[in-house]
Amino acid sequence: MVHTKNKHLASDVDIKEMASRTALFSGAQLESMVNEAAIRAIREGKKEISMAHLETAFYAQIAGDERKKTGAEKEKKMIAVHE
């Protein structure tokens, strides 16, 4: 994946596996996923992106991040009350 070129990846990262999982992703989705994995690694105080970070970011990309869902629920409620 070209989007991992300037990222520090842990030795457990399997680029071929991630490439096969993300075959239908757009370039923007891939970039977003890798950036999300990097943010997760930094939050944990890690210097490298692990396979676990990429997997978590992958599932957040396809299913939506939990944090974003809770915000969306609050927004839905606010709109419903308003209307």
Protein backbone atom coordinates (compact mmCIF):
# COMPACT_ATOMS: atom_id res chain seq x y z
CA MET A 1 0.00 0.00 0.00
CA VAL A 2 1.47 3.28 -1.09
CA HIS A 3 -0.15 5.09 1.85
CA THR A 4 2.16 3.33 4.31
CA LYS A 5 5.31 4.50 2.54
CA ASN A 6 6.34 7.14 5.10
CA LYS A 7 4.84 5.40 8.14
CA HIS A 8 6.70 3.39 10.74
CA LEU A 9 5.20 -0.10 10.66
CA ALA A 10 5.77 -2.82 13.25
CA SER A 11 7.22 -6.12 12.11
CA ASP A 12 3.85 -7.88 12.58
CA VAL A 13 2.17 -5.84 9.82
CA ASP A 14 1.21 -7.98 6.83
CA ILE A 15 0.86 -5.54 3.93
CA LYS A 16 -0.35 -8.24 1.54
CA GLU A 17 -3.12 -9.24 3.96
CA MET A 18 -4.26 -5.63 4.40
CA ALA A 19 -4.08 -5.06 0.64
CA SER A 20 -6.36 -8.03 0.01
CA ARG A 21 -8.84 -6.82 2.64
CA THR A 22 -8.94 -3.32 1.20
CA ALA A 23 -9.01 -4.21 -2.50
CA LEU A 24 -12.18 -2.17 -3.11
CA PHE A 25 -11.14 0.85 -1.01
CA SER A 26 -10.54 4.16 -2.74
CA GLY A 27 -7.25 5.96 -2.27
CA ALA A 28 -8.94 8.35 0.16
CA GLN A 29 -10.30 5.45 2.22
CA LEU A 30 -6.87 3.81 2.36
CA GLU A 31 -5.23 7.06 3.42
CA SER A 32 -7.89 7.62 6.07
CA MET A 33 -7.48 4.08 7.41
CA VAL A 34 -3.69 4.33 7.66
CA ASN A 35 -3.92 7.77 9.29
CA GLU A 36 -6.48 6.45 11.80
CA ALA A 37 -4.15 3.55 12.61
CA ALA A 38 -1.29 6.01 13.15
CA ILE A 39 -3.43 8.13 15.47
CA ARG A 40 -4.39 5.06 17.48
CA ALA A 41 -0.73 4.06 17.79
CA ILE A 42 0.25 7.54 18.98
CA ARG A 43 -2.56 7.56 21.56
CA GLU A 44 -1.12 4.32 22.95
CA GLY A 45 2.37 5.83 23.09
CA LYS A 46 3.70 3.54 20.36
CA LYS A 47 6.28 4.57 17.80
CA GLU A 48 5.12 2.05 15.21
CA ILE A 49 1.78 1.11 13.69
CA SER A 50 0.93 -2.51 14.48
CA MET A 51 -1.34 -4.92 12.65
CA ALA A 52 -3.86 -4.49 15.49
CA HIS A 53 -3.94 -0.73 14.84
CA LEU A 54 -4.54 -1.31 11.14
CA GLU A 55 -7.26 -3.89 11.82
CA THR A 56 -9.07 -1.58 14.22
CA ALA A 57 -8.84 1.27 11.72
CA PHE A 58 -10.04 -1.06 8.94
CA TYR A 59 -13.18 -2.03 10.87
CA ALA A 60 -13.79 1.59 11.84
CA GLN A 61 -13.56 2.50 8.15
CA ILE A 62 -16.10 -0.09 7.01
CA ALA A 63 -18.46 -0.06 10.00
CA GLY A 64 -17.95 3.41 11.42
CA ASP A 65 -16.14 4.45 14.53
CA GLU A 66 -17.99 4.05 17.84
CA ARG A 67 -17.16 7.59 18.90
CA LYS A 68 -18.69 8.95 15.70
CA LYS A 69 -21.83 6.87 16.20
CA THR A 70 -22.52 8.32 19.65
CA GLY A 71 -22.19 11.83 18.26
CA ALA A 72 -24.54 10.93 15.47
CA GLU A 73 -27.10 9.65 17.98
CA LYS A 74 -26.95 12.93 19.91
CA GLU A 75 -27.35 14.82 16.65
CA LYS A 76 -30.36 12.69 15.64
CA LYS A 77 -32.01 13.33 19.00
CA MET A 78 -31.35 17.05 18.75
CA ILE A 79 -32.88 17.16 15.27
CA ALA A 80 -35.88 15.08 16.37
CA VAL A 81 -36.54 17.39 19.33
CA HIS A 82 -36.15 20.45 17.13
CA GLU A 83 -38.63 19.17 14.56
